[in-house]
Protein backbone atom coordinates (compact mmCIF):
# COMPACT_ATOMS: atom_id res chain seq x y z
CA ASN A 1 211.33 118.53 72.84
CA ILE A 2 212.54 117.68 76.37
CA GLY A 3 213.85 119.55 78.81
CA MET A 4 215.76 118.98 82.32
CA GLU A 5 213.32 116.67 83.48
CA ILE A 6 214.36 114.15 81.63
CA ALA A 7 217.83 115.07 79.97
CA GLY A 8 220.57 113.56 81.29
CA ASN A 9 222.81 110.88 82.15
CA PHE A 10 221.64 107.86 83.48
CA GLN A 11 223.47 105.25 85.24
CA TYR A 12 222.57 101.67 84.82
CA GLN A 13 222.34 100.60 88.84
CA GLN A 14 224.66 96.57 89.10
CA GLU A 15 222.82 95.75 92.20
CA LYS A 16 218.81 96.43 91.63
CA THR A 17 216.88 95.31 89.17
CA LYS A 18 213.21 95.83 88.42
CA ASN A 19 210.95 92.62 86.72
CA GLY A 20 213.80 91.11 86.08
CA HIS A 21 215.35 93.78 84.32
CA PRO A 22 218.62 96.38 85.14
CA VAL A 23 217.54 100.03 86.24
CA TRP A 24 218.94 103.20 85.49
CA ILE A 25 219.54 106.37 87.36
CA ARG A 26 219.27 109.46 86.70
CA GLU A 27 220.84 111.58 90.22
CA GLY A 28 218.13 113.75 90.62
CA TYR A 29 219.51 118.04 91.38
CA SER A 30 216.69 118.44 94.01
CA ILE A 31 213.38 116.92 95.10
CA TYR A 32 211.88 120.17 93.22
CA ALA A 33 210.14 119.89 89.63
CA ALA A 34 212.18 119.39 86.97
CA TYR A 35 215.15 118.10 88.80
CA GLN A 36 214.04 115.17 90.98
CA SER A 37 216.10 111.28 90.73
CA LEU A 38 214.53 109.81 87.12
CA TYR A 39 214.50 105.82 87.52
CA LEU A 40 214.11 104.38 83.85
CA PHE A 41 212.91 100.50 83.97
CA LEU A 42 210.68 97.67 81.62
CA HIS A 43 207.76 98.10 82.63
CA ALA A 44 205.86 94.41 82.80
CA ALA A 45 202.15 96.51 80.56
CA ASP A 46 200.27 94.74 83.33
CA GLY A 47 200.97 91.09 81.28
CA ASP A 48 198.53 92.47 78.61
CA ASN A 49 200.81 94.39 76.40
CA PRO A 50 204.40 94.02 75.06
CA TRP A 51 206.84 95.16 77.95
CA TYR A 52 208.09 98.49 77.34
CA TRP A 53 210.81 101.13 78.66
CA ALA A 54 209.22 103.45 81.07
CA ILE A 55 210.95 107.12 82.77
CA THR A 56 209.69 107.25 86.32
CA LEU A 57 209.61 109.75 88.70
CA ASP A 58 208.68 106.88 91.80
CA SER A 59 212.00 105.37 93.70
CA LYS A 60 209.81 102.21 94.01
CA MET A 61 208.29 102.00 90.02
CA ASN A 62 205.67 100.99 91.13
CA ASP A 63 203.69 103.75 90.12
CA ASP A 64 201.85 104.58 86.44
CA ASP A 65 200.75 108.02 87.07
CA SER A 66 204.20 109.28 88.25
CA ILE A 67 205.53 107.93 84.81
CA ILE A 68 207.19 110.94 82.31
CA ALA A 69 208.73 109.06 79.47
CA ILE A 70 207.39 105.96 77.77
CA CYS A 71 209.00 103.69 74.37
CA SER A 72 206.84 103.22 71.69
CA PRO A 73 208.65 99.59 70.85
CA GLY A 74 207.56 99.11 67.26
CA GLU A 75 207.44 95.48 65.91
CA ASP A 76 211.27 95.65 64.74
CA ASN A 77 214.05 93.95 67.49
CA LEU A 78 211.96 93.16 69.80
CA ASP A 79 213.70 90.99 71.82
CA GLN A 80 216.77 93.51 71.54
CA LEU A 81 214.67 96.46 72.94
CA LEU A 82 213.65 94.33 75.76
CA ILE A 83 217.77 94.02 76.61
CA ASP A 84 218.50 98.21 76.09
CA PRO A 85 216.69 101.21 76.18
CA SER A 86 219.02 103.03 73.55
CA LEU A 87 217.44 100.90 70.96
CA CYS A 88 213.84 102.72 71.40
CA PRO A 89 212.65 103.71 67.54
CA SER A 90 210.87 106.43 69.16
CA TRP A 91 209.69 107.88 72.52
CA GLY A 92 206.69 109.40 73.59
CA VAL A 93 207.02 112.69 76.81
CA LEU A 94 203.67 113.25 78.71
CA ASP A 95 201.58 116.31 78.43
CA VAL A 96 198.65 117.30 80.22
CA ASP A 97 196.53 119.99 78.25
CA GLU A 98 196.39 123.26 80.24
CA PHE A 99 192.29 123.31 79.52
CA THR A 100 190.58 120.17 79.42
CA GLY A 101 193.24 118.14 81.65
CA VAL A 102 193.50 115.27 79.52
CA VAL A 103 197.04 113.68 79.89
CA ASP A 104 198.84 111.63 76.77
CA PHE A 105 202.45 110.68 75.88
CA LEU A 106 203.21 112.82 72.68
CA GLU A 107 205.82 111.80 69.84
CA SER A 108 209.11 114.00 70.93
CA ASP A 109 212.44 114.03 69.56
CA MET A 110 214.05 112.26 72.61
CA ASN A 111 216.59 109.79 72.07
CA ILE A 112 218.43 107.68 74.46
CA THR A 113 222.43 106.81 73.57
CA GLU A 114 225.60 104.68 75.80
CA GLY A 115 227.86 106.95 77.22
CA ILE A 116 228.75 110.05 79.20
CA CYS A 117 226.44 113.22 78.23
CA ASN A 118 228.33 116.72 76.68
CA VAL A 119 229.69 118.38 79.88
CA THR A 120 230.37 122.16 79.21
CA ASP A 121 233.12 124.85 80.18
CA ASN A 122 230.06 127.31 81.00
CA TYR A 123 230.86 127.79 84.76
CA PHE A 124 231.09 131.25 87.10
CA CYS A 125 230.94 133.05 90.55
CA LEU A 126 227.58 134.79 91.87
CA SER A 127 227.92 136.91 94.62
CA SER A 128 226.50 140.16 96.55
CA ASP A 129 227.73 142.29 99.04
CA GLN A 130 224.63 144.04 99.05
CA SER A 131 222.37 140.44 99.85
CA ALA A 132 222.78 137.67 100.90
CA LEU A 133 220.63 135.62 98.18
CA ALA A 134 219.17 133.81 100.11
CA GLY A 135 221.97 132.06 100.92
CA LEU A 136 222.48 131.03 97.60
CA SER A 137 225.40 132.70 96.22
CA GLY A 138 228.20 130.47 95.23
CA THR A 139 229.89 128.12 91.80
CA TYR A 140 227.07 127.31 88.79
CA ARG A 141 227.39 125.37 86.14
CA LEU A 142 225.67 124.85 82.77
CA ILE A 143 224.61 121.57 82.72
CA TYR A 144 223.50 121.37 78.49
CA ASP A 145 224.94 123.53 75.75
CA ASP A 146 221.41 124.20 74.68
CA GLN A 147 219.76 124.68 78.12
CA PRO A 148 220.72 128.35 79.13
CA ILE A 149 220.29 126.70 82.98
CA TRP A 150 223.15 126.29 84.98
CA LEU A 151 222.73 124.86 88.51
CA ARG A 152 225.17 125.76 91.94
CA GLU A 153 227.30 122.94 92.86
CA TRP A 154 227.23 122.52 96.64
CA ASP A 155 228.61 119.60 99.13
CA ASN A 156 227.34 117.84 102.19
CA CYS A 157 227.41 121.05 104.23
CA ASP A 158 224.92 123.05 102.31
CA THR A 159 223.15 120.94 99.85
CA HIS A 160 220.53 123.50 99.07
CA PRO A 161 219.94 123.47 95.30
CA GLY A 162 220.19 127.17 92.99
CA ILE A 163 218.84 127.44 90.05
CA PHE A 164 219.71 130.07 87.40
CA ALA A 165 218.64 130.57 84.01
CA PHE A 166 217.48 133.10 81.21
CA GLU A 167 213.96 133.12 79.77
CA ASN A 168 211.29 135.82 78.70
CA PHE A 169 214.91 138.23 78.05
CA GLU A 170 216.01 137.64 81.82
CA PHE A 171 218.32 136.57 83.53
CA TYR A 172 216.87 135.26 87.12
CA LEU A 173 218.33 133.10 90.54
CA LEU A 174 215.31 130.52 91.42
CA ASP A 175 214.84 129.13 95.28
CA PRO A 176 212.86 126.28 94.53
CA MET A 177 212.27 125.39 97.45
CA ASP A 178 209.23 128.36 97.41
CA GLY A 179 209.45 129.94 93.82
CA TRP A 180 210.95 132.88 95.07
CA ILE A 181 212.81 134.72 92.73
CA VAL A 182 216.85 135.91 94.22
CA ALA A 183 218.20 137.54 92.12
CA ARG A 184 217.41 138.91 88.28
CA CYS A 185 218.85 140.87 85.76
CA TYR A 186 216.27 142.24 82.61
CA VAL A 187 218.92 142.22 79.13
CA GLY A 188 215.84 144.31 77.32
CA ASP A 189 214.29 143.91 73.93
CA LEU A 190 215.51 146.69 72.53
CA ASN A 191 218.31 145.25 70.68
CA LEU A 192 216.00 143.29 68.95
CA ASN A 193 215.53 145.84 65.72
CA PHE A 194 219.60 145.15 64.91
CA MET A 195 219.50 141.61 64.99
CA THR A 196 216.50 138.92 64.07
CA ALA A 197 215.09 137.00 67.72
CA GLN A 198 217.34 133.95 67.58
CA ASP A 199 221.04 136.45 67.08
CA TYR A 200 219.51 137.52 70.27
CA TYR A 201 218.82 134.58 72.62
CA ASP A 202 222.00 133.59 71.28
CA HIS A 203 223.70 136.67 71.78
CA PHE A 204 223.07 137.32 75.15
CA ALA A 205 221.49 133.70 76.42
CA PHE A 206 224.35 132.01 77.05
CA ASN A 207 226.18 135.38 78.42
CA PRO A 208 224.83 135.84 81.84
CA HIS A 209 228.01 138.47 82.47
CA LEU A 210 226.34 140.60 79.83
CA CYS A 211 223.59 141.81 81.90
CA LYS A 212 224.25 144.34 84.01
CA ASP A 213 221.35 145.89 85.89
CA TRP A 214 220.65 143.38 88.49
CA GLU A 215 217.69 142.71 91.61
CA THR A 216 218.21 141.16 94.16
CA ILE A 217 216.48 139.70 97.46
CA VAL A 218 215.96 141.63 100.71
CA ASP A 219 218.14 140.27 103.00
CA GLY A 220 215.28 139.16 105.49
CA THR A 221 213.33 140.36 103.95
CA LEU A 222 209.29 138.13 104.45
CA ASP A 223 207.11 139.20 100.99
CA ASP A 224 208.76 137.20 97.98
CA GLY A 225 208.53 140.13 95.22
CA LEU A 226 210.59 142.28 97.45
CA THR A 227 213.97 142.95 95.65
CA GLN A 228 216.05 146.28 95.28
CA SER A 229 218.80 146.70 92.88
CA ASP A 230 221.99 146.25 93.55
CA GLN A 231 225.08 147.45 91.81
CA THR A 232 227.07 145.10 94.30
CA VAL A 233 226.49 141.87 91.95
CA THR A 234 229.83 140.77 90.65
CA LEU A 235 229.46 137.88 88.43
CA ASP A 236 232.77 136.38 87.03
CA THR A 237 232.53 134.15 84.52
CA GLY A 238 235.22 131.24 84.34
CA VAL A 239 235.74 131.04 88.18
CA GLU A 240 234.62 128.83 91.19
CA CYS A 241 233.83 130.78 94.56
CA TYR A 242 236.56 130.17 96.95
CA GLN A 243 234.05 127.44 99.34
CA PRO A 244 235.35 126.68 103.29
CA PHE A 245 236.21 123.15 103.24
CA CYS A 246 233.16 120.78 104.46
CA ARG A 247 234.68 119.11 106.81
CA ASP A 248 232.77 115.41 108.60
CA SER A 249 233.80 112.12 110.07
CA THR A 250 231.90 109.86 112.47
CA TYR A 251 231.93 112.72 115.22
CA SER A 252 228.81 115.11 116.43
CA PRO A 253 228.95 116.51 119.73
CA ASP A 254 226.80 115.98 122.92
CA ASN A 255 225.10 119.51 123.59
CA LEU A 256 224.35 121.93 120.83
CA CYS A 257 224.17 125.94 121.44
CA PHE A 258 221.58 127.81 119.12
CA GLY A 259 222.87 131.40 118.13
CA GLN A 260 221.38 134.53 116.84
CA ASN A 261 218.53 134.50 113.96
CA SER A 262 216.45 137.11 112.99
CA ILE A 263 213.38 135.51 111.14
CA MET A 264 210.92 135.58 114.02
CA HIS A 265 212.18 132.44 115.17
CA SER A 266 214.36 133.49 118.12
CA PHE A 267 212.25 131.32 120.69
CA LEU A 268 213.92 128.30 119.47
CA GLU A 269 217.16 129.87 120.40
CA GLY A 270 219.83 128.49 123.29
CA GLU A 271 221.32 124.77 124.08
CA TYR A 272 220.58 121.48 122.75
CA GLU A 273 221.66 118.19 124.43
CA ALA A 274 222.02 114.13 122.57
CA THR A 275 218.99 112.33 124.02
CA GLY A 276 220.62 109.47 123.55
CA ASN A 277 218.55 107.90 120.53
CA THR A 278 221.06 108.20 117.20
CA GLY A 279 219.25 107.30 113.61
CA LYS A 280 219.35 103.79 112.33
CA LYS A 281 220.35 104.38 109.23
CA LYS A 282 223.31 107.02 109.20
CA GLY A 283 223.81 107.02 113.23
CA THR A 284 223.12 110.97 113.73
CA LYS A 285 222.65 111.67 117.54
CA GLU A 286 219.01 113.88 118.33
CA TYR A 287 218.83 116.42 120.87
CA LYS A 288 216.05 118.22 122.26
CA ARG A 289 216.43 121.51 124.08
CA THR A 290 217.03 121.62 127.53
CA GLU A 291 214.98 124.27 128.02
CA GLN A 292 211.00 123.51 127.69
CA LEU A 293 209.00 126.52 125.34
CA TYR A 294 206.02 127.52 127.59
CA TYR A 295 203.12 128.52 124.68
CA ASP A 296 199.58 128.94 125.88
CA GLY A 297 199.05 127.26 128.79
CA GLU A 298 201.68 124.08 127.26
CA GLN A 299 205.46 123.79 128.00
CA ILE A 300 206.66 121.60 124.45
CA ASP A 301 209.85 120.55 123.67
CA VAL A 302 211.79 120.98 120.48
CA TYR A 303 213.77 118.65 119.28
CA LEU A 304 216.98 118.62 116.25
CA TYR A 305 217.75 115.46 114.70
CA TRP A 306 218.45 114.65 111.22
CA TYR A 307 215.17 113.98 108.86
CA GLY A 308 217.41 111.37 106.42
CA GLU A 309 217.61 108.46 109.10
CA ILE A 310 213.09 108.31 108.52
CA ASN A 311 212.67 109.67 105.49
CA GLU A 312 215.54 109.48 102.37
CA ARG A 313 213.55 111.95 100.38
CA TYR A 314 214.90 115.20 102.58
CA GLU A 315 218.50 114.33 103.93
CA TRP A 316 217.85 117.81 106.03
CA TRP A 317 218.12 118.48 109.36
CA ILE A 318 215.28 119.80 111.02
CA ILE A 319 214.26 121.45 114.05
CA ALA A 320 211.05 119.78 114.91
CA ALA A 321 208.16 119.61 117.34
CA ASP A 322 207.94 115.65 117.62
CA ASP A 323 210.77 113.50 118.38
CA MET A 324 212.33 111.36 115.56
CA GLU A 325 210.27 108.59 117.03
CA THR A 326 207.34 109.89 116.55
CA ALA A 327 207.81 111.68 113.18
CA ASP A 328 208.42 107.97 112.34
CA ARG A 329 205.73 106.50 113.36
CA GLN A 330 203.37 109.35 112.09
CA ASN A 331 205.51 109.97 108.87
CA TYR A 332 205.37 113.84 109.24
CA SER A 333 206.75 116.67 111.82
CA THR A 334 206.15 119.67 112.12
CA VAL A 335 208.62 121.52 111.26
CA TYR A 336 209.93 125.01 112.10
CA GLY A 337 213.65 124.76 110.87
CA TYR A 338 215.72 123.35 108.33
CA SER A 339 218.95 122.80 106.23
CA ALA A 340 219.33 120.87 103.61
CA CYS A 341 222.74 119.78 104.93
CA ALA A 342 224.40 116.04 104.99
CA VAL A 343 226.86 115.87 107.34
CA MET A 344 226.66 113.85 111.31
CA ASN A 345 227.67 117.43 113.05
CA PRO A 346 224.75 120.22 112.09
CA SER A 347 227.16 122.91 113.05
CA ARG A 348 228.93 122.53 110.02
CA CYS A 349 226.04 123.06 107.89
CA ARG A 350 226.25 126.55 106.21
CA LEU A 351 222.48 127.53 105.64
CA TRP A 352 219.29 127.37 107.56
CA HIS A 353 215.87 127.98 106.57
CA PHE A 354 213.15 129.14 108.57
CA TYR A 355 208.85 129.34 108.42
CA TRP A 356 207.24 132.06 108.85
CA SER A 357 203.19 133.17 107.53
CA GLY A 358 201.51 135.78 108.82
CA ALA A 359 197.34 136.67 109.48
CA THR A 360 196.82 137.30 106.29
CA SER A 361 195.41 134.05 103.22
CA ASP A 362 199.48 133.43 101.78
CA PRO A 363 200.42 129.71 103.38
CA GLY A 364 203.22 131.01 104.34
CA SER A 365 207.07 130.52 103.02
CA TRP A 366 210.77 128.84 104.54
CA HIS A 367 213.52 131.77 104.75
CA ALA A 368 217.10 131.68 105.01
CA ASP A 369 218.55 132.99 107.83
CA ASP A 370 222.56 134.22 106.99
CA GLN A 371 222.74 136.03 110.89
CA PHE A 372 221.69 132.08 112.69
CA TYR A 373 224.90 129.96 114.03
CA MET A 374 225.25 126.80 115.65
CA ALA A 375 227.75 125.97 118.16
CA GLU A 376 229.15 122.99 119.47
CA GLY A 377 229.43 122.31 123.55
CA ALA A 378 226.76 124.32 125.82
CA CYS A 379 225.46 128.10 125.93
CA TYR A 380 227.36 131.06 128.07
CA VAL A 381 224.67 132.03 130.25
CA ASP A 382 224.94 135.72 131.45
CA PRO A 383 224.72 136.38 135.30
CA ASP A 384 223.36 139.75 134.64
CA ALA A 385 220.72 138.71 133.19
CA ASN A 386 217.49 140.65 134.66
CA ASP A 387 213.56 139.62 134.42
CA THR A 388 212.90 141.97 135.81
CA ALA A 389 209.87 143.53 133.98
CA MET A 390 209.80 146.68 131.62
CA ILE A 391 207.81 149.76 133.54
CA TYR A 392 205.90 152.18 131.32
CA SER A 393 205.41 155.92 132.13
CA ASP A 394 202.84 157.60 131.82
CA ASP A 395 204.74 158.75 128.19
CA TYR A 396 203.04 155.81 127.11
CA GLU A 397 200.23 157.16 127.81
CA TYR A 398 199.02 156.76 124.05
CA LEU A 399 201.11 156.28 120.93
CA CYS A 400 200.04 157.05 117.45
CA ILE A 401 200.31 156.13 114.04
CA ASP A 402 200.59 157.68 111.48
CA ILE A 403 201.10 156.82 107.50
CA ASP A 404 203.05 158.17 104.61
CA GLU A 405 200.84 158.35 102.25
CA GLU A 406 202.89 160.62 99.56
CA PHE A 407 205.36 158.09 100.23
CA ILE A 408 203.41 155.63 98.95
CA LYS A 409 201.80 157.09 96.03
CA ASP A 410 205.33 158.15 94.59
CA ASN A 411 206.58 154.66 95.22
CA ASN A 412 203.51 153.15 93.39
CA LEU A 413 203.94 150.78 97.07
CA ASP A 414 200.61 148.23 97.52
CA PHE A 415 199.33 149.39 100.43
CA ASN A 416 195.62 149.10 101.40
CA MET A 417 195.61 148.73 105.13
CA THR A 418 195.90 152.65 105.80
CA ASN A 419 192.69 152.49 108.11
CA VAL A 420 193.63 149.77 109.83
CA PHE A 421 196.95 151.35 111.00
CA LYS A 422 196.61 154.96 111.01
CA GLY A 423 194.96 156.02 114.54
CA ALA A 424 195.55 156.80 118.27
CA TYR A 425 196.40 153.66 120.48
CA LYS A 426 195.90 154.16 124.80
CA ILE A 427 198.00 151.53 126.80
CA ASN A 428 196.67 148.80 128.15
CA ARG A 429 198.16 147.39 131.60
CA THR A 430 197.37 144.04 132.39
CA GLN A 431 198.65 141.16 130.32
CA THR A 432 197.96 138.95 127.89
CA LYS A 433 198.60 134.89 127.61
CA PHE A 434 201.26 136.65 124.94
CA SER A 435 202.53 139.49 126.45
CA GLU A 436 203.35 138.30 130.24
CA ASN A 437 205.48 141.18 131.50
CA THR A 438 204.55 143.78 128.39
CA PRO A 439 201.37 145.78 128.75
CA TYR A 440 199.49 145.84 124.65
CA TRP A 441 197.53 149.44 123.65
CA ILE A 442 194.80 149.70 121.97
CA LYS A 443 193.12 151.45 118.81
CA SER A 444 189.00 151.08 119.22
CA PRO A 445 186.78 150.92 116.43
CA ASN A 446 185.80 154.51 114.44
CA GLY A 447 184.02 155.97 111.38
CA CYS A 448 187.39 154.23 109.21
CA HIS A 449 188.04 150.98 110.97
CA ASP A 450 185.14 148.70 112.64
CA GLU A 451 187.85 146.42 114.39
CA GLU A 452 190.17 147.23 117.48
CA THR A 453 193.33 147.61 116.22
CA TYR A 454 196.37 146.32 118.81
CA ILE A 455 200.26 147.23 119.15
CA TYR A 456 202.15 144.38 121.34
CA TYR A 457 204.92 142.53 122.50
CA ASP A 458 205.04 138.26 121.70
CA GLU A 459 206.99 137.29 124.85
CA PHE A 460 207.17 134.33 123.07
CA TYR A 461 208.15 135.23 119.98
CA GLU A 462 209.86 137.73 120.96
CA TYR A 463 209.01 140.94 118.79
CA TRP A 464 206.69 143.48 118.70
CA GLN A 465 203.34 143.11 115.78
CA ILE A 466 200.47 145.64 115.71
CA GLY A 467 197.08 143.50 114.27
CA THR A 468 192.86 142.69 114.50
CA GLU A 469 193.61 140.34 117.25
CA LEU A 470 196.17 139.50 120.28
CA HIS A 471 197.86 136.85 117.82
CA VAL A 472 200.48 135.30 116.76
CA GLU A 473 199.82 135.56 113.36
CA THR A 474 199.75 139.22 112.14
CA TYR A 475 199.54 142.18 110.28
CA LEU A 476 202.25 143.78 110.94
CA VAL A 477 206.00 142.99 113.06
CA CYS A 478 209.28 145.18 114.19
CA PHE A 479 212.36 143.14 113.25
CA SER A 480 214.34 145.53 115.65
CA ASP A 481 215.48 144.30 119.24
CA THR A 482 213.90 146.78 121.33
CA ALA A 483 211.52 146.68 124.79
CA HIS A 484 209.98 150.14 123.31
CA PRO A 485 207.18 150.62 120.22
CA ASP A 486 207.52 153.23 119.59
CA LEU A 487 211.51 152.31 118.88
């Protein structure tokens, strides 16, 4: 059997050939895993063996390690087979032994036929009042009538993929960028007592509206496992969600204002101005933040541009540390945020993701920010804004952190850092390279924990945090916009 990684419509490419023969492309749904674009071409077999048809992930069709299926041509009708891949008598599909790592192409029931694959009328509108669903609410459509996998529909203002599927008695909504489960609903297996496994599968697998007990991701969470019961989820079958019209044109503004940001990147807020540089493919403008960032003694520029100008794989607007020319030359850039969006004017992109990594070994993740906005024009400057340093009274000479261990136990929470945080913290009114105008508090080592622990405010990122170092990567972060750590 084959799955989503190969199935689909392969379109003949009139102006594209390989080894002097035609090429067919299955346009991918996303750049991730089983949903990438595929290329069907005639492989020259390095001139040693008969040529054969192959399906690859490599857009240049040169890397044999990217081939995921090959045709075993046999001896009959070889001349015709070299012209028409639908005549292939047997296809071998890539298989990698999970224990030995041995790679082989196993015989499969895959076949290629002329025409268009069957299109289903199974679709629904998914939304929640409680959760923003990491920006993945929308219309989902079943692609193949024999696989319970629905794909999120998109337009050029929002090309973020969403995968909705049924597996192991559970419906789930997957964000393929991080592999996070955004929503899930377990239908249970109790009914197996009253029907066969196949009847049970047929009853539920293609009818997600039958599932009622949903859990959805908590907005703004940095924890990929943090979901909670959500009775506000609506899944309306046969209904397409309302979607604002995606306006696109050759127009793009000279100035942009970045507004509210909820995922730890408020330092990116501010005004961005066109640099005068434009991309060579689509002609999109490059922007630069009008005020440099100051961090750890260095002045830092921040840029905004459409990465699709230099890399066809990532047709995203990105907020980056390097300008477009530098990123193109070195083939990468440090990226703070991105929007999977392909319009000329980035203020029309609907959803932005920002990167966060804490002090643990977790490599970090990209988080959808439903509060972030970008507007055309210059930012408003408050004439009454006050940058005076905050003065803390003697009441703040000590702060105390306590842990509700009974709550942790009652809710079966996995929390083993009580000794790190719990205790009294004494103020240090000197400044650090991170806190600038704000003092910090220190808990000295004790019999329960042998390191100093700090409560401090990071002026650059504009949030309070608690950790064992005065460093941007930390253990606890406060999302509240307040000058007082106890609030």
